[in-house]
PDB file of N, CA and C in Angstrom:
ATOM      1  N   MET A   1      93.341 116.820 104.201  1.00  0.00           N
ATOM      2  CA  MET A   1      92.681 116.396 102.982  1.00  0.00           C
ATOM      3  C   MET A   1      91.754 115.251 103.316  1.00  0.00           C
ATOM      4  N   LYS A   2      90.708 115.117 102.590  1.00  0.00           N
ATOM      5  CA  LYS A   2      89.777 114.009 102.760  1.00  0.00           C
ATOM      6  C   LYS A   2      90.175 112.873 101.814  1.00  0.00           C
ATOM      7  N   GLU A   3      89.988 111.648 102.271  1.00  0.00           N
ATOM      8  CA  GLU A   3      90.358 110.479 101.474  1.00  0.00           C
ATOM      9  C   GLU A   3      89.618 110.443 100.135  1.00  0.00           C
ATOM     10  N   SER A   4      88.425 111.003 100.083  1.00  0.00           N
ATOM     11  CA  SER A   4      87.640 111.017  98.842  1.00  0.00           C
ATOM     12  C   SER A   4      88.321 111.825  97.737  1.00  0.00           C
ATOM     13  N   LEU A   5      89.293 112.673  98.087  1.00  0.00           N
ATOM     14  CA  LEU A   5      90.024 113.452  97.091  1.00  0.00           C
ATOM     15  C   LEU A   5      90.801 112.543  96.139  1.00  0.00           C
ATOM     16  N   LEU A   6      91.136 111.335  96.582  1.00  0.00           N
ATOM     17  CA  LEU A   6      91.866 110.389  95.732  1.00  0.00           C
ATOM     18  C   LEU A   6      91.098 110.041  94.461  1.00  0.00           C
ATOM     19  N   ASP A   7      89.772 110.230  94.477  1.00  0.00           N
ATOM     20  CA  ASP A   7      88.963 109.934  93.291  1.00  0.00           C
ATOM     21  C   ASP A   7      89.222 110.918  92.158  1.00  0.00           C
ATOM     22  N   ILE A   8      89.756 112.105  92.479  1.00  0.00           N
ATOM     23  CA  ILE A   8      89.911 113.125  91.431  1.00  0.00           C
ATOM     24  C   ILE A   8      91.345 113.589  91.193  1.00  0.00           C
ATOM     25  N   ILE A   9      92.286 113.232  92.069  1.00  0.00           N
ATOM     26  CA  ILE A   9      93.667 113.649  91.844  1.00  0.00           C
ATOM     27  C   ILE A   9      94.488 112.496  91.282  1.00  0.00           C
ATOM     28  N   CYS A  10      95.594 112.845  90.607  1.00  0.00           N
ATOM     29  CA  CYS A  10      96.486 111.838  90.044  1.00  0.00           C
ATOM     30  C   CYS A  10      97.907 112.384  90.074  1.00  0.00           C
ATOM     31  N   CYS A  11      98.859 111.551  89.728  1.00  0.00           N
ATOM     32  CA  CYS A  11     100.256 111.943  89.680  1.00  0.00           C
ATOM     33  C   CYS A  11     100.429 113.035  88.625  1.00  0.00           C
ATOM     34  N   PRO A  12     101.032 114.169  88.976  1.00  0.00           N
ATOM     35  CA  PRO A  12     101.215 115.238  88.006  1.00  0.00           C
ATOM     36  C   PRO A  12     102.239 114.902  86.916  1.00  0.00           C
ATOM     37  N   LEU A  13     103.060 113.890  87.134  1.00  0.00           N
ATOM     38  CA  LEU A  13     104.077 113.529  86.150  1.00  0.00           C
ATOM     39  C   LEU A  13     103.547 112.613  85.054  1.00  0.00           C
ATOM     40  N   ASP A  14     102.783 111.584  85.439  1.00  0.00           N
ATOM     41  CA  ASP A  14     102.330 110.616  84.432  1.00  0.00           C
ATOM     42  C   ASP A  14     100.833 110.311  84.490  1.00  0.00           C
ATOM     43  N   LYS A  15     100.110 111.034  85.341  1.00  0.00           N
ATOM     44  CA  LYS A  15      98.641 110.918  85.449  1.00  0.00           C
ATOM     45  C   LYS A  15      98.158 109.564  85.971  1.00  0.00           C
ATOM     46  N   ALA A  16      99.033 108.813  86.620  1.00  0.00           N
ATOM     47  CA  ALA A  16      98.651 107.517  87.193  1.00  0.00           C
ATOM     48  C   ALA A  16      97.979 107.732  88.548  1.00  0.00           C
ATOM     49  N   GLU A  17      97.384 106.673  89.082  1.00  0.00           N
ATOM     50  CA  GLU A  17      96.712 106.734  90.383  1.00  0.00           C
ATOM     51  C   GLU A  17      97.727 106.914  91.508  1.00  0.00           C
ATOM     52  N   LEU A  18      97.236 107.457  92.621  1.00  0.00           N
ATOM     53  CA  LEU A  18      98.070 107.667  93.797  1.00  0.00           C
ATOM     54  C   LEU A  18      97.609 106.758  94.927  1.00  0.00           C
ATOM     55  N   GLU A  19      98.569 106.227  95.670  1.00  0.00           N
ATOM     56  CA  GLU A  19      98.293 105.358  96.810  1.00  0.00           C
ATOM     57  C   GLU A  19      98.535 106.164  98.089  1.00  0.00           C
ATOM     58  N   LEU A  20      97.601 106.081  99.010  1.00  0.00           N
ATOM     59  CA  LEU A  20      97.635 106.883 100.233  1.00  0.00           C
ATOM     60  C   LEU A  20      98.287 106.124 101.385  1.00  0.00           C
ATOM     61  N   GLU A  21      99.161 106.820 102.118  1.00  0.00           N
ATOM     62  CA  GLU A  21      99.717 106.315 103.376  1.00  0.00           C
ATOM     63  C   GLU A  21      99.442 107.378 104.433  1.00  0.00           C
ATOM     64  N   VAL A  22      98.688 107.012 105.460  1.00  0.00           N
ATOM     65  CA  VAL A  22      98.278 107.960 106.496  1.00  0.00           C
ATOM     66  C   VAL A  22      99.185 107.843 107.714  1.00  0.00           C
ATOM     67  N   HIS A  23      99.689 108.990 108.190  1.00  0.00           N
ATOM     68  CA  HIS A  23     100.505 109.030 109.410  1.00  0.00           C
ATOM     69  C   HIS A  23      99.710 109.631 110.563  1.00  0.00           C
ATOM     70  N   GLU A  24      98.839 110.601 110.251  1.00  0.00           N
ATOM     71  CA  GLU A  24      98.024 111.234 111.291  1.00  0.00           C
ATOM     72  C   GLU A  24      96.675 111.615 110.699  1.00  0.00           C
ATOM     73  N   ARG A  25      95.627 111.259 111.432  1.00  0.00           N
ATOM     74  CA  ARG A  25      94.257 111.520 110.981  1.00  0.00           C
ATOM     75  C   ARG A  25      93.473 112.145 112.125  1.00  0.00           C
ATOM     76  N   GLU A  26      92.589 113.069 111.792  1.00  0.00           N
ATOM     77  CA  GLU A  26      91.680 113.665 112.772  1.00  0.00           C
ATOM     78  C   GLU A  26      90.269 113.575 112.193  1.00  0.00           C
ATOM     79  N   GLY A  27      89.510 112.600 112.680  1.00  0.00           N
ATOM     80  CA  GLY A  27      88.190 112.351 112.099  1.00  0.00           C
ATOM     81  C   GLY A  27      88.359 111.870 110.672  1.00  0.00           C
ATOM     82  N   GLU A  28      87.696 112.537 109.730  1.00  0.00           N
ATOM     83  CA  GLU A  28      87.810 112.170 108.314  1.00  0.00           C
ATOM     84  C   GLU A  28      88.962 112.892 107.625  1.00  0.00           C
ATOM     85  N   GLU A  29      89.591 113.832 108.306  1.00  0.00           N
ATOM     86  CA  GLU A  29      90.657 114.651 107.724  1.00  0.00           C
ATOM     87  C   GLU A  29      92.019 113.983 107.912  1.00  0.00           C
ATOM     88  N   ILE A  30      92.766 113.833 106.819  1.00  0.00           N
ATOM     89  CA  ILE A  30      94.125 113.299 106.878  1.00  0.00           C
ATOM     90  C   ILE A  30      95.061 114.492 107.033  1.00  0.00           C
ATOM     91  N   LEU A  31      95.759 114.555 108.165  1.00  0.00           N
ATOM     92  CA  LEU A  31      96.622 115.693 108.462  1.00  0.00           C
ATOM     93  C   LEU A  31      98.054 115.488 107.977  1.00  0.00           C
ATOM     94  N   GLU A  32      98.582 114.290 108.135  1.00  0.00           N
ATOM     95  CA  GLU A  32      99.961 113.987 107.739  1.00  0.00           C
ATOM     96  C   GLU A  32      99.985 112.642 107.031  1.00  0.00           C
ATOM     97  N   GLY A  33     100.817 112.538 106.005  1.00  0.00           N
ATOM     98  CA  GLY A  33     100.958 111.291 105.288  1.00  0.00           C
ATOM     99  C   GLY A  33     101.665 111.505 103.972  1.00  0.00           C
ATOM    100  N   SER A  34     101.427 110.595 103.049  1.00  0.00           N
ATOM    101  CA  SER A  34     102.048 110.717 101.739  1.00  0.00           C
ATOM    102  C   SER A  34     101.178 110.047 100.679  1.00  0.00           C
ATOM    103  N   LEU A  35     101.391 110.488  99.455  1.00  0.00           N
ATOM    104  CA  LEU A  35     100.738 109.920  98.285  1.00  0.00           C
ATOM    105  C   LEU A  35     101.841 109.394  97.377  1.00  0.00           C
ATOM    106  N   THR A  36     101.736 108.141  96.950  1.00  0.00           N
ATOM    107  CA  THR A  36     102.758 107.538  96.108  1.00  0.00           C
ATOM    108  C   THR A  36     102.137 107.116  94.788  1.00  0.00           C
ATOM    109  N   CYS A  37     102.805 107.485  93.690  1.00  0.00           N
ATOM    110  CA  CYS A  37     102.322 107.119  92.354  1.00  0.00           C
ATOM    111  C   CYS A  37     102.468 105.615  92.156  1.00  0.00           C
ATOM    112  N   THR A  38     101.401 104.983  91.652  1.00  0.00           N
ATOM    113  CA  THR A  38     101.424 103.540  91.430  1.00  0.00           C
ATOM    114  C   THR A  38     102.237 103.173  90.199  1.00  0.00           C
ATOM    115  N   ASP A  39     102.593 104.164  89.351  1.00  0.00           N
ATOM    116  CA  ASP A  39     103.339 103.882  88.124  1.00  0.00           C
ATOM    117  C   ASP A  39     104.821 104.246  88.256  1.00  0.00           C
ATOM    118  N   CYS A  40     105.118 105.523  88.532  1.00  0.00           N
ATOM    119  CA  CYS A  40     106.520 105.966  88.568  1.00  0.00           C
ATOM    120  C   CYS A  40     107.144 105.874  89.959  1.00  0.00           C
ATOM    121  N   GLY A  41     106.322 105.732  91.015  1.00  0.00           N
ATOM    122  CA  GLY A  41     106.847 105.582  92.367  1.00  0.00           C
ATOM    123  C   GLY A  41     107.186 106.883  93.078  1.00  0.00           C
ATOM    124  N   GLU A  42     106.961 108.031  92.433  1.00  0.00           N
ATOM    125  CA  GLU A  42     107.234 109.323  93.080  1.00  0.00           C
ATOM    126  C   GLU A  42     106.309 109.503  94.278  1.00  0.00           C
ATOM    127  N   THR A  43     106.834 110.099  95.348  1.00  0.00           N
ATOM    128  CA  THR A  43     106.070 110.299  96.572  1.00  0.00           C
ATOM    129  C   THR A  43     105.823 111.784  96.797  1.00  0.00           C
ATOM    130  N   TYR A  44     104.585 112.107  97.180  1.00  0.00           N
ATOM    131  CA  TYR A  44     104.169 113.485  97.442  1.00  0.00           C
ATOM    132  C   TYR A  44     103.698 113.575  98.892  1.00  0.00           C
ATOM    133  N   PRO A  45     104.226 114.535  99.652  1.00  0.00           N
ATOM    134  CA  PRO A  45     103.875 114.637 101.068  1.00  0.00           C
ATOM    135  C   PRO A  45     102.502 115.272 101.296  1.00  0.00           C
ATOM    136  N   ILE A  46     101.882 114.913 102.407  1.00  0.00           N
ATOM    137  CA  ILE A  46     100.680 115.579 102.911  1.00  0.00           C
ATOM    138  C   ILE A  46     101.091 116.195 104.235  1.00  0.00           C
ATOM    139  N   GLU A  47     101.040 117.520 104.328  1.00  0.00           N
ATOM    140  CA  GLU A  47     101.444 118.225 105.537  1.00  0.00           C
ATOM    141  C   GLU A  47     100.346 119.197 105.939  1.00  0.00           C
ATOM    142  N   ASP A  48      99.958 119.156 107.201  1.00  0.00           N
ATOM    143  CA  ASP A  48      98.889 120.022 107.715  1.00  0.00           C
ATOM    144  C   ASP A  48      97.608 119.888 106.896  1.00  0.00           C
ATOM    145  N   GLY A  49      97.341 118.666 106.398  1.00  0.00           N
ATOM    146  CA  GLY A  49      96.121 118.402 105.654  1.00  0.00           C
ATOM    147  C   GLY A  49      96.164 118.821 104.194  1.00  0.00           C
ATOM    148  N   ILE A  50      97.325 119.267 103.700  1.00  0.00           N
ATOM    149  CA  ILE A  50      97.443 119.759 102.326  1.00  0.00           C
ATOM    150  C   ILE A  50      98.405 118.869 101.539  1.00  0.00           C
ATOM    151  N   PRO A  51      97.924 118.233 100.458  1.00  0.00           N
ATOM    152  CA  PRO A  51      98.828 117.437  99.633  1.00  0.00           C
ATOM    153  C   PRO A  51      99.684 118.352  98.748  1.00  0.00           C
ATOM    154  N   ASN A  52     100.985 118.104  98.706  1.00  0.00           N
ATOM    155  CA  ASN A  52     101.892 118.880  97.865  1.00  0.00           C
ATOM    156  C   ASN A  52     102.138 118.075  96.598  1.00  0.00           C
ATOM    157  N   LEU A  53     101.421 118.431  95.528  1.00  0.00           N
ATOM    158  CA  LEU A  53     101.504 117.675  94.281  1.00  0.00           C
ATOM    159  C   LEU A  53     102.421 118.341  93.257  1.00  0.00           C
ATOM    160  N   LEU A  54     103.320 119.198  93.733  1.00  0.00           N
ATOM    161  CA  LEU A  54     104.295 119.780  92.820  1.00  0.00           C
ATOM    162  C   LEU A  54     105.296 118.716  92.403  1.00  0.00           C
ATOM    163  N   PRO A  55     105.727 118.741  91.139  1.00  0.00           N
ATOM    164  CA  PRO A  55     106.781 117.810  90.726  1.00  0.00           C
ATOM    165  C   PRO A  55     108.026 118.003  91.595  1.00  0.00           C
ATOM    166  N   PRO A  56     108.822 116.953  91.794  1.00  0.00           N
ATOM    167  CA  PRO A  56     109.950 117.005  92.718  1.00  0.00           C
ATOM    168  C   PRO A  56     110.896 118.180  92.485  1.00  0.00           C
ATOM    169  N   ASP A  57     111.155 118.522  91.238  1.00  0.00           N
ATOM    170  CA  ASP A  57     112.101 119.615  90.960  1.00  0.00           C
ATOM    171  C   ASP A  57     111.527 120.998  91.245  1.00  0.00           C
ATOM    172  N   MET A  58     110.245 121.084  91.543  1.00  0.00           N
ATOM    173  CA  MET A  58     109.626 122.373  91.849  1.00  0.00           C
ATOM    174  C   MET A  58     109.341 122.575  93.342  1.00  0.00           C
ATOM    175  N   ARG A  59     109.569 121.538  94.149  1.00  0.00           N
ATOM    176  CA  ARG A  59     109.332 121.644  95.596  1.00  0.00           C
ATOM    177  C   ARG A  59     110.458 122.396  96.254  1.00  0.00           C
ATOM    178  N   GLU A  60     110.122 123.071  97.349  1.00  0.00           N
ATOM    179  CA  GLU A  60     111.133 123.777  98.132  1.00  0.00           C
ATOM    180  C   GLU A  60     112.066 122.775  98.800  1.00  0.00           C
ATOM    181  N   ALA A  61     113.305 123.096  98.827  1.00  0.00           N
ATOM    182  CA  ALA A  61     114.267 122.235  99.535  1.00  0.00           C
ATOM    183  C   ALA A  61     114.009 122.325 101.023  1.00  0.00           C
ATOM    184  N   ALA A  62     114.009 121.195 101.682  1.00  0.00           N
ATOM    185  CA  ALA A  62     113.707 121.161 103.120  1.00  0.00           C
ATOM    186  C   ALA A  62     114.880 121.589 103.955  1.00  0.00           C
TER     187      ALA A  62
END
């Protein structure tokens, strides 16, 4: 995912802003990391460059 995506996405639970934490980057592409809601604190993973913005109860169990 590109960091500029933060301008248009928000927390699916309460529509608050998301804070980015990068674990792995390749050029401008964020490959691994997480997005954390600034309001409710829920964390959404970024895996293989794809943010998983499904609510926690809808995510696959790891």
